[in-house]
């Protein structure tokens, strides 16, 4: 079992780049430690022109990216923090994709894939369960309710709380 100092939770928000803004690009990354303390939270300037900010979901506005950290610098900072850690998150494949990094290089706990979490309230029959639903059903916490889009800090904290919940039930094996 991983020590608390070896566990971090990651969440990324994406914007759309490329034709019609259909490809994901990293626009914000937040990382919290085991206790939910924010250890990284930066807006990230994508390498390509942003065509769709997806603000209702991402919470990212054009003004957020004006002085944002360039992608390559942010990527280096983020991967340094993740090195040697158990990385907790929800549907982490998308986060690692926008970081241009293979998630298989890391010890991963993905709340979207843990059947123990879905055993609650008949969620096992669901193919995919959102972070919002898991947080509400298992933690009694409502997240992602802002009219201004998701908060990557809030989502990373929720993923970490779900990791701790699963550990308390004998799960969250990495």
N, C-alpha and C. Protein backbone atom coordinates (compact mmCIF):
# COMPACT_ATOMS: atom_id res chain seq x y z
N UNK A 1 0.85 -1.18 0.00
CA UNK A 1 0.00 0.00 0.00
C UNK A 1 0.89 1.24 0.00
N UNK A 2 0.55 2.18 -0.83
CA UNK A 2 1.34 3.40 -0.96
C UNK A 2 1.22 4.27 0.28
N UNK A 3 2.31 4.93 0.64
CA UNK A 3 2.29 5.89 1.74
C UNK A 3 1.63 7.17 1.24
N UNK A 4 0.98 7.91 2.15
CA UNK A 4 0.34 9.17 1.74
C UNK A 4 1.29 10.14 1.01
N UNK A 5 2.55 10.14 1.37
CA UNK A 5 3.50 11.05 0.72
C UNK A 5 3.80 10.64 -0.73
N UNK A 6 3.42 9.43 -1.08
CA UNK A 6 3.68 8.92 -2.42
C UNK A 6 2.48 9.02 -3.36
N UNK A 7 1.42 9.70 -2.93
CA UNK A 7 0.18 9.75 -3.71
C UNK A 7 -0.19 11.20 -4.03
N UNK A 8 -0.49 11.45 -5.30
CA UNK A 8 -1.00 12.75 -5.73
C UNK A 8 -2.21 12.53 -6.63
N UNK A 9 -3.07 13.52 -6.69
CA UNK A 9 -4.22 13.45 -7.61
C UNK A 9 -4.06 14.53 -8.67
N UNK A 10 -4.39 14.18 -9.89
CA UNK A 10 -4.20 15.02 -11.06
C UNK A 10 -5.53 15.25 -11.76
N UNK A 11 -5.76 16.47 -12.21
CA UNK A 11 -6.88 16.73 -13.11
C UNK A 11 -6.47 17.81 -14.09
N UNK A 12 -6.84 17.62 -15.34
CA UNK A 12 -6.54 18.58 -16.39
C UNK A 12 -7.83 19.06 -17.04
N UNK A 13 -7.82 20.31 -17.44
CA UNK A 13 -8.92 20.87 -18.23
C UNK A 13 -8.37 21.10 -19.63
N UNK A 14 -9.22 20.85 -20.61
CA UNK A 14 -8.80 20.93 -22.00
C UNK A 14 -9.60 21.97 -22.77
N UNK A 15 -8.95 22.49 -23.80
CA UNK A 15 -9.59 23.36 -24.78
C UNK A 15 -9.47 22.66 -26.13
N UNK A 16 -10.18 23.20 -27.13
CA UNK A 16 -10.16 22.60 -28.45
C UNK A 16 -9.21 23.32 -29.40
N UNK A 17 -8.40 22.54 -30.09
CA UNK A 17 -7.48 23.08 -31.11
C UNK A 17 -7.72 22.33 -32.42
N UNK A 18 -7.05 22.79 -33.46
CA UNK A 18 -7.19 22.12 -34.75
C UNK A 18 -8.49 22.53 -35.44
N UNK A 19 -8.78 21.89 -36.57
CA UNK A 19 -10.00 22.23 -37.31
C UNK A 19 -11.24 22.11 -36.42
N UNK A 20 -12.00 23.17 -36.38
CA UNK A 20 -13.24 23.21 -35.60
C UNK A 20 -13.04 23.00 -34.11
N UNK A 21 -11.81 23.05 -33.62
CA UNK A 21 -11.55 22.91 -32.20
C UNK A 21 -11.88 21.54 -31.65
N UNK A 22 -11.71 20.51 -32.45
CA UNK A 22 -12.11 19.16 -32.04
C UNK A 22 -11.04 18.39 -31.29
N UNK A 23 -9.78 18.78 -31.43
CA UNK A 23 -8.70 18.07 -30.73
C UNK A 23 -8.46 18.70 -29.37
N UNK A 24 -8.23 17.86 -28.37
CA UNK A 24 -7.97 18.34 -27.01
C UNK A 24 -6.56 18.88 -26.87
N UNK A 25 -6.43 19.96 -26.09
CA UNK A 25 -5.12 20.49 -25.72
C UNK A 25 -5.19 20.92 -24.26
N UNK A 26 -4.11 20.71 -23.55
CA UNK A 26 -4.04 21.07 -22.14
C UNK A 26 -4.16 22.58 -21.97
N UNK A 27 -5.05 23.00 -21.04
CA UNK A 27 -5.21 24.43 -20.75
C UNK A 27 -5.07 24.73 -19.27
N UNK A 28 -5.26 23.74 -18.41
CA UNK A 28 -5.06 23.93 -16.97
C UNK A 28 -4.76 22.57 -16.36
N UNK A 29 -3.87 22.57 -15.41
CA UNK A 29 -3.54 21.34 -14.69
C UNK A 29 -3.47 21.65 -13.21
N UNK A 30 -4.11 20.79 -12.43
CA UNK A 30 -4.05 20.91 -10.97
C UNK A 30 -3.62 19.57 -10.39
N UNK A 31 -2.78 19.65 -9.37
CA UNK A 31 -2.32 18.46 -8.65
C UNK A 31 -2.47 18.76 -7.17
N UNK A 32 -3.05 17.79 -6.45
CA UNK A 32 -3.17 17.93 -5.00
C UNK A 32 -2.47 16.74 -4.34
N UNK A 33 -2.03 16.96 -3.10
CA UNK A 33 -1.41 15.86 -2.36
C UNK A 33 -2.49 15.03 -1.66
N UNK A 34 -2.07 14.05 -0.90
CA UNK A 34 -2.98 13.13 -0.22
C UNK A 34 -3.98 13.86 0.67
N UNK A 35 -3.58 14.98 1.23
CA UNK A 35 -4.44 15.74 2.15
C UNK A 35 -5.30 16.77 1.43
N UNK A 36 -5.20 16.84 0.11
CA UNK A 36 -5.99 17.78 -0.67
C UNK A 36 -5.37 19.15 -0.81
N UNK A 37 -4.14 19.29 -0.36
CA UNK A 37 -3.44 20.56 -0.50
C UNK A 37 -2.97 20.72 -1.94
N UNK A 38 -3.23 21.86 -2.53
CA UNK A 38 -2.84 22.12 -3.92
C UNK A 38 -1.32 22.28 -3.97
N UNK A 39 -0.69 21.45 -4.80
CA UNK A 39 0.77 21.56 -4.97
C UNK A 39 1.13 22.05 -6.37
N UNK A 40 0.13 22.08 -7.25
CA UNK A 40 0.36 22.63 -8.60
C UNK A 40 -0.99 23.06 -9.14
N UNK A 41 -1.05 24.25 -9.69
CA UNK A 41 -2.27 24.72 -10.36
C UNK A 41 -1.88 25.85 -11.29
N UNK A 42 -1.83 25.53 -12.57
CA UNK A 42 -1.44 26.54 -13.55
C UNK A 42 -2.29 26.40 -14.82
N UNK A 43 -2.53 27.56 -15.41
CA UNK A 43 -3.07 27.58 -16.76
C UNK A 43 -1.90 27.34 -17.70
N UNK A 44 -2.19 26.64 -18.80
CA UNK A 44 -1.15 26.22 -19.74
C UNK A 44 -1.51 26.71 -21.13
N UNK A 45 -0.54 27.35 -21.78
CA UNK A 45 -0.76 27.85 -23.14
C UNK A 45 -0.50 26.72 -24.13
N UNK A 46 -1.54 26.29 -24.85
CA UNK A 46 -1.33 25.22 -25.84
C UNK A 46 -0.37 25.66 -26.94
N UNK A 47 0.23 24.67 -27.59
CA UNK A 47 1.16 24.96 -28.68
C UNK A 47 0.44 25.46 -29.93
N UNK A 48 -0.84 25.10 -30.05
CA UNK A 48 -1.63 25.50 -31.21
C UNK A 48 -2.65 26.55 -30.82
N UNK A 49 -3.16 27.23 -31.81
CA UNK A 49 -4.20 28.24 -31.58
C UNK A 49 -5.47 27.58 -31.05
N UNK A 50 -6.04 28.17 -30.02
CA UNK A 50 -7.27 27.64 -29.43
C UNK A 50 -8.45 28.07 -30.31
N UNK A 51 -9.25 27.09 -30.72
CA UNK A 51 -10.43 27.37 -31.54
C UNK A 51 -11.71 27.32 -30.70
N UNK A 52 -11.65 26.57 -29.58
CA UNK A 52 -12.84 26.43 -28.74
C UNK A 52 -12.37 26.33 -27.28
N UNK A 53 -12.74 27.31 -26.49
CA UNK A 53 -12.33 27.31 -25.08
C UNK A 53 -13.15 26.35 -24.22
N UNK A 54 -14.31 25.94 -24.71
CA UNK A 54 -15.17 24.99 -23.97
C UNK A 54 -15.45 25.48 -22.56
N UNK A 55 -15.59 26.77 -22.40
CA UNK A 55 -15.71 27.39 -21.08
C UNK A 55 -16.80 26.79 -20.20
N UNK A 56 -17.99 26.46 -20.73
CA UNK A 56 -19.02 25.88 -19.85
C UNK A 56 -18.58 24.58 -19.15
N UNK A 57 -17.64 23.87 -19.77
CA UNK A 57 -17.13 22.64 -19.15
C UNK A 57 -15.75 22.86 -18.55
N UNK A 58 -14.85 23.46 -19.34
CA UNK A 58 -13.46 23.60 -18.89
C UNK A 58 -13.26 24.70 -17.86
N UNK A 59 -14.13 25.70 -17.90
CA UNK A 59 -13.93 26.86 -17.03
C UNK A 59 -12.83 27.79 -17.52
N UNK A 60 -12.22 27.47 -18.65
CA UNK A 60 -11.09 28.24 -19.18
C UNK A 60 -11.61 29.34 -20.11
N UNK A 61 -11.10 30.53 -19.91
CA UNK A 61 -11.43 31.69 -20.75
C UNK A 61 -10.16 32.15 -21.48
N UNK A 62 -10.34 32.87 -22.55
CA UNK A 62 -9.19 33.38 -23.32
C UNK A 62 -8.24 34.15 -22.42
N UNK A 63 -8.78 34.96 -21.53
CA UNK A 63 -7.94 35.78 -20.65
C UNK A 63 -7.06 34.92 -19.73
N UNK A 64 -7.50 33.70 -19.41
CA UNK A 64 -6.71 32.82 -18.55
C UNK A 64 -5.41 32.38 -19.23
N UNK A 65 -5.43 32.34 -20.54
CA UNK A 65 -4.27 31.81 -21.27
C UNK A 65 -3.32 32.89 -21.76
N UNK A 66 -3.68 34.15 -21.56
CA UNK A 66 -2.83 35.26 -22.03
C UNK A 66 -1.43 35.22 -21.43
N UNK A 67 -1.34 34.93 -20.14
CA UNK A 67 -0.04 34.87 -19.47
C UNK A 67 0.25 33.46 -18.94
N UNK A 68 -0.37 32.47 -19.57
CA UNK A 68 -0.23 31.08 -19.11
C UNK A 68 1.17 30.55 -19.36
N UNK A 69 1.52 29.51 -18.62
CA UNK A 69 2.80 28.83 -18.77
C UNK A 69 2.82 28.09 -20.11
N UNK A 70 3.88 28.23 -20.89
CA UNK A 70 3.97 27.48 -22.16
C UNK A 70 3.89 25.97 -21.91
N UNK A 71 3.29 25.27 -22.87
CA UNK A 71 3.06 23.83 -22.72
C UNK A 71 4.30 23.06 -22.31
N UNK A 72 5.40 23.23 -23.01
CA UNK A 72 6.59 22.43 -22.73
C UNK A 72 7.11 22.66 -21.31
N UNK A 73 7.07 23.90 -20.85
CA UNK A 73 7.51 24.19 -19.47
C UNK A 73 6.57 23.55 -18.45
N UNK A 74 5.27 23.70 -18.68
CA UNK A 74 4.29 23.12 -17.77
C UNK A 74 4.41 21.60 -17.75
N UNK A 75 4.56 21.00 -18.91
CA UNK A 75 4.68 19.54 -19.01
C UNK A 75 5.85 19.05 -18.17
N UNK A 76 6.98 19.72 -18.29
CA UNK A 76 8.18 19.34 -17.53
C UNK A 76 7.92 19.45 -16.02
N UNK A 77 7.30 20.54 -15.60
CA UNK A 77 6.99 20.73 -14.17
C UNK A 77 6.05 19.63 -13.67
N UNK A 78 5.02 19.35 -14.44
CA UNK A 78 4.00 18.37 -14.04
C UNK A 78 4.61 16.97 -13.95
N UNK A 79 5.36 16.57 -14.96
CA UNK A 79 5.94 15.23 -14.97
C UNK A 79 6.97 15.06 -13.86
N UNK A 80 7.65 16.13 -13.49
CA UNK A 80 8.59 16.07 -12.36
C UNK A 80 7.83 15.76 -11.06
N UNK A 81 6.69 16.41 -10.88
CA UNK A 81 5.88 16.16 -9.68
C UNK A 81 5.34 14.73 -9.67
N UNK A 82 4.92 14.23 -10.82
CA UNK A 82 4.31 12.89 -10.91
C UNK A 82 5.33 11.76 -10.78
N UNK A 83 6.58 12.05 -11.05
CA UNK A 83 7.63 11.02 -11.04
C UNK A 83 7.70 10.30 -9.70
N UNK A 84 7.58 8.98 -9.75
CA UNK A 84 7.70 8.16 -8.55
C UNK A 84 6.46 8.15 -7.66
N UNK A 85 5.39 8.77 -8.11
CA UNK A 85 4.17 8.86 -7.30
C UNK A 85 3.09 7.92 -7.83
N UNK A 86 2.15 7.58 -6.96
CA UNK A 86 0.90 6.98 -7.41
C UNK A 86 0.06 8.16 -7.89
N UNK A 87 -0.43 8.08 -9.12
CA UNK A 87 -1.22 9.16 -9.69
C UNK A 87 -2.69 8.76 -9.65
N UNK A 88 -3.47 9.56 -8.95
CA UNK A 88 -4.90 9.33 -8.77
C UNK A 88 -5.65 10.30 -9.67
N UNK A 89 -6.74 9.86 -10.24
CA UNK A 89 -7.57 10.74 -11.05
C UNK A 89 -8.76 10.00 -11.61
N UNK A 90 -9.56 10.70 -12.38
CA UNK A 90 -10.75 10.11 -12.99
C UNK A 90 -10.58 10.13 -14.50
N UNK A 91 -10.61 8.96 -15.10
CA UNK A 91 -10.44 8.81 -16.54
C UNK A 91 -9.11 9.44 -16.97
N UNK A 92 -8.06 8.98 -16.34
CA UNK A 92 -6.73 9.57 -16.50
C UNK A 92 -6.15 9.50 -17.90
N UNK A 93 -6.64 8.59 -18.72
CA UNK A 93 -6.10 8.47 -20.07
C UNK A 93 -6.14 9.81 -20.80
N UNK A 94 -7.23 10.56 -20.64
CA UNK A 94 -7.35 11.85 -21.32
C UNK A 94 -6.33 12.86 -20.79
N UNK A 95 -6.11 12.84 -19.48
CA UNK A 95 -5.14 13.76 -18.89
C UNK A 95 -3.73 13.46 -19.40
N UNK A 96 -3.38 12.18 -19.42
CA UNK A 96 -2.05 11.82 -19.92
C UNK A 96 -1.91 12.08 -21.42
N UNK A 97 -3.00 11.90 -22.16
CA UNK A 97 -2.95 12.19 -23.60
C UNK A 97 -2.60 13.65 -23.85
N UNK A 98 -3.24 14.58 -23.13
CA UNK A 98 -2.95 16.00 -23.38
C UNK A 98 -1.59 16.41 -22.82
N UNK A 99 -1.03 15.59 -21.94
CA UNK A 99 0.33 15.83 -21.46
C UNK A 99 1.38 15.20 -22.40
N UNK A 100 0.90 14.51 -23.44
CA UNK A 100 1.78 13.81 -24.38
C UNK A 100 2.70 12.85 -23.64
N UNK A 101 2.08 12.07 -22.75
CA UNK A 101 2.84 11.15 -21.89
C UNK A 101 2.08 9.82 -21.80
N UNK A 102 2.81 8.74 -21.76
CA UNK A 102 2.20 7.43 -21.58
C UNK A 102 1.89 7.22 -20.10
N UNK A 103 0.63 6.95 -19.80
CA UNK A 103 0.27 6.74 -18.40
C UNK A 103 0.81 5.42 -17.87
N UNK A 104 1.24 4.55 -18.75
CA UNK A 104 1.72 3.23 -18.33
C UNK A 104 3.10 3.30 -17.68
N UNK A 105 3.72 4.47 -17.70
CA UNK A 105 4.99 4.66 -17.01
C UNK A 105 4.80 4.94 -15.52
N UNK A 106 3.54 5.04 -15.09
CA UNK A 106 3.22 5.47 -13.74
C UNK A 106 2.35 4.44 -13.04
N UNK A 107 2.39 4.49 -11.72
CA UNK A 107 1.43 3.72 -10.93
C UNK A 107 0.16 4.56 -10.90
N UNK A 108 -0.93 3.96 -11.31
CA UNK A 108 -2.18 4.69 -11.54
C UNK A 108 -3.30 4.12 -10.66
N UNK A 109 -4.10 5.03 -10.11
CA UNK A 109 -5.39 4.64 -9.54
C UNK A 109 -6.43 5.52 -10.21
N UNK A 110 -7.26 4.89 -11.05
CA UNK A 110 -8.26 5.61 -11.82
C UNK A 110 -9.64 5.32 -11.25
N UNK A 111 -10.27 6.36 -10.71
CA UNK A 111 -11.59 6.19 -10.09
C UNK A 111 -12.64 5.71 -11.08
N UNK A 112 -12.44 5.97 -12.37
CA UNK A 112 -13.43 5.55 -13.37
C UNK A 112 -13.37 4.04 -13.62
N UNK A 113 -12.31 3.40 -13.17
CA UNK A 113 -12.13 1.97 -13.46
C UNK A 113 -12.25 1.07 -12.24
N UNK A 114 -12.47 1.63 -11.08
CA UNK A 114 -12.52 0.85 -9.85
C UNK A 114 -13.92 0.29 -9.62
N UNK A 115 -14.06 -1.03 -9.77
CA UNK A 115 -15.37 -1.67 -9.59
C UNK A 115 -15.87 -1.55 -8.16
N UNK A 116 -14.97 -1.47 -7.18
CA UNK A 116 -15.39 -1.32 -5.79
C UNK A 116 -16.22 -0.04 -5.62
N UNK A 117 -15.81 1.03 -6.29
CA UNK A 117 -16.56 2.28 -6.19
C UNK A 117 -17.93 2.16 -6.84
N UNK A 118 -18.01 1.38 -7.91
CA UNK A 118 -19.28 1.24 -8.63
C UNK A 118 -20.23 0.25 -7.96
N UNK A 119 -19.77 -0.50 -6.99
CA UNK A 119 -20.64 -1.44 -6.28
C UNK A 119 -21.72 -0.73 -5.47
N UNK A 120 -21.53 0.53 -5.21
CA UNK A 120 -22.46 1.30 -4.39
C UNK A 120 -23.69 1.72 -5.20
N UNK A 121 -24.86 1.55 -4.60
CA UNK A 121 -26.12 2.03 -5.19
C UNK A 121 -26.36 1.55 -6.61
N UNK A 122 -25.96 0.33 -6.92
CA UNK A 122 -26.25 -0.23 -8.23
C UNK A 122 -25.48 0.39 -9.38
N UNK A 123 -24.37 1.03 -9.10
CA UNK A 123 -23.60 1.65 -10.17
C UNK A 123 -22.79 0.64 -10.98
N UNK A 124 -22.68 -0.58 -10.48
CA UNK A 124 -21.88 -1.60 -11.19
C UNK A 124 -22.43 -1.85 -12.59
N UNK A 125 -23.72 -1.73 -12.76
CA UNK A 125 -24.32 -1.98 -14.08
C UNK A 125 -23.97 -0.88 -15.08
N UNK A 126 -23.52 0.26 -14.58
CA UNK A 126 -23.17 1.37 -15.46
C UNK A 126 -21.81 1.12 -16.10
N UNK A 127 -21.72 1.35 -17.39
CA UNK A 127 -20.45 1.16 -18.08
C UNK A 127 -19.43 2.21 -17.65
N UNK A 128 -19.90 3.44 -17.53
CA UNK A 128 -19.03 4.54 -17.09
C UNK A 128 -19.80 5.35 -16.07
N UNK A 129 -19.11 5.75 -15.03
CA UNK A 129 -19.73 6.57 -14.00
C UNK A 129 -18.89 7.84 -13.86
N UNK A 130 -19.55 8.98 -13.89
CA UNK A 130 -18.83 10.25 -13.83
C UNK A 130 -18.27 10.51 -12.44
N UNK A 131 -17.27 11.35 -12.38
CA UNK A 131 -16.70 11.78 -11.11
C UNK A 131 -17.78 12.47 -10.27
N UNK A 132 -18.60 13.23 -10.92
CA UNK A 132 -19.69 13.93 -10.24
C UNK A 132 -20.63 12.95 -9.52
N UNK A 133 -21.03 11.89 -10.21
CA UNK A 133 -21.94 10.90 -9.62
C UNK A 133 -21.25 10.14 -8.49
N UNK A 134 -20.01 9.70 -8.72
CA UNK A 134 -19.29 8.99 -7.66
C UNK A 134 -19.14 9.86 -6.41
N UNK A 135 -18.81 11.11 -6.59
CA UNK A 135 -18.64 12.02 -5.45
C UNK A 135 -19.94 12.21 -4.68
N UNK A 136 -21.02 12.34 -5.42
CA UNK A 136 -22.31 12.56 -4.76
C UNK A 136 -22.78 11.29 -4.04
N UNK A 137 -22.68 10.15 -4.70
CA UNK A 137 -23.19 8.90 -4.12
C UNK A 137 -22.31 8.39 -2.97
N UNK A 138 -20.99 8.47 -3.13
CA UNK A 138 -20.10 7.86 -2.16
C UNK A 138 -19.61 8.81 -1.08
N UNK A 139 -19.41 10.06 -1.45
CA UNK A 139 -18.86 11.03 -0.51
C UNK A 139 -19.90 12.01 0.03
N UNK A 140 -21.06 12.02 -0.62
CA UNK A 140 -22.09 12.98 -0.23
C UNK A 140 -21.71 14.41 -0.58
N UNK A 141 -20.84 14.56 -1.59
CA UNK A 141 -20.37 15.89 -1.99
C UNK A 141 -20.82 16.19 -3.41
N UNK A 142 -21.33 17.39 -3.60
CA UNK A 142 -21.73 17.84 -4.94
C UNK A 142 -20.58 18.63 -5.53
N UNK A 143 -20.15 18.20 -6.71
CA UNK A 143 -19.08 18.90 -7.42
C UNK A 143 -19.56 19.24 -8.82
N UNK A 144 -18.78 20.04 -9.50
CA UNK A 144 -19.04 20.41 -10.89
C UNK A 144 -20.40 21.09 -11.05
N UNK A 145 -20.73 21.92 -10.09
CA UNK A 145 -22.01 22.63 -10.13
C UNK A 145 -21.90 24.08 -10.55
N UNK A 146 -20.71 24.55 -10.79
CA UNK A 146 -20.50 25.96 -11.12
C UNK A 146 -21.01 26.28 -12.53
N UNK A 147 -21.59 27.42 -12.67
CA UNK A 147 -22.01 27.90 -13.99
C UNK A 147 -20.81 28.33 -14.82
N UNK A 148 -19.63 28.39 -14.19
CA UNK A 148 -18.42 28.85 -14.87
C UNK A 148 -17.53 27.70 -15.33
N UNK A 149 -18.03 26.46 -15.26
CA UNK A 149 -17.25 25.31 -15.72
C UNK A 149 -16.63 24.55 -14.56
N UNK A 150 -15.98 23.47 -14.89
CA UNK A 150 -15.33 22.62 -13.89
C UNK A 150 -14.13 23.32 -13.28
N UNK A 151 -13.80 22.89 -12.08
CA UNK A 151 -12.56 23.32 -11.44
C UNK A 151 -11.66 22.11 -11.34
N UNK A 152 -10.49 22.20 -11.94
CA UNK A 152 -9.57 21.07 -11.89
C UNK A 152 -9.09 20.82 -10.46
N UNK A 153 -9.07 21.84 -9.63
CA UNK A 153 -8.71 21.64 -8.22
C UNK A 153 -9.79 20.81 -7.54
N UNK A 154 -11.04 21.21 -7.71
CA UNK A 154 -12.16 20.49 -7.11
C UNK A 154 -12.19 19.03 -7.57
N UNK A 155 -11.96 18.81 -8.86
CA UNK A 155 -11.98 17.45 -9.40
C UNK A 155 -10.82 16.61 -8.88
N UNK A 156 -9.64 17.18 -8.77
CA UNK A 156 -8.49 16.45 -8.22
C UNK A 156 -8.73 16.09 -6.76
N UNK A 157 -9.28 17.03 -5.99
CA UNK A 157 -9.60 16.75 -4.58
C UNK A 157 -10.64 15.65 -4.45
N UNK A 158 -11.66 15.67 -5.31
CA UNK A 158 -12.70 14.64 -5.28
C UNK A 158 -12.11 13.27 -5.61
N UNK A 159 -11.24 13.21 -6.60
CA UNK A 159 -10.59 11.94 -6.96
C UNK A 159 -9.77 11.41 -5.79
N UNK A 160 -9.06 12.30 -5.09
CA UNK A 160 -8.26 11.87 -3.94
C UNK A 160 -9.17 11.36 -2.82
N UNK A 161 -10.29 12.03 -2.59
CA UNK A 161 -11.24 11.57 -1.57
C UNK A 161 -11.80 10.19 -1.92
N UNK A 162 -12.05 9.96 -3.19
CA UNK A 162 -12.53 8.65 -3.62
C UNK A 162 -11.46 7.58 -3.45
N UNK A 163 -10.21 7.94 -3.71
CA UNK A 163 -9.09 7.01 -3.47
C UNK A 163 -9.05 6.61 -1.99
N UNK A 164 -9.18 7.60 -1.12
CA UNK A 164 -9.15 7.32 0.33
C UNK A 164 -10.37 6.49 0.75
N UNK A 165 -11.51 6.78 0.15
CA UNK A 165 -12.72 6.00 0.42
C UNK A 165 -12.49 4.53 0.03
N UNK A 166 -11.97 4.32 -1.18
CA UNK A 166 -11.71 2.96 -1.64
C UNK A 166 -10.70 2.25 -0.76
N UNK A 167 -9.66 2.96 -0.32
CA UNK A 167 -8.68 2.37 0.60
C UNK A 167 -9.33 1.93 1.89
N UNK A 168 -10.26 2.75 2.39
CA UNK A 168 -10.93 2.42 3.66
C UNK A 168 -11.80 1.19 3.54
N UNK A 169 -12.16 0.83 2.31
CA UNK A 169 -12.99 -0.35 2.04
C UNK A 169 -12.15 -1.54 1.58
N UNK A 170 -10.83 -1.38 1.66
CA UNK A 170 -9.93 -2.47 1.28
C UNK A 170 -9.55 -2.48 -0.19
N UNK A 171 -9.87 -1.42 -0.92
CA UNK A 171 -9.56 -1.34 -2.34
C UNK A 171 -8.45 -0.37 -2.64
N UNK A 172 -8.52 0.22 -3.80
CA UNK A 172 -7.54 1.21 -4.29
C UNK A 172 -6.15 0.59 -4.42
N UNK A 173 -6.13 -0.64 -4.85
CA UNK A 173 -4.84 -1.29 -5.10
C UNK A 173 -4.25 -0.76 -6.39
N UNK A 174 -2.97 -0.48 -6.34
CA UNK A 174 -2.29 0.06 -7.51
C UNK A 174 -1.32 -0.97 -8.06
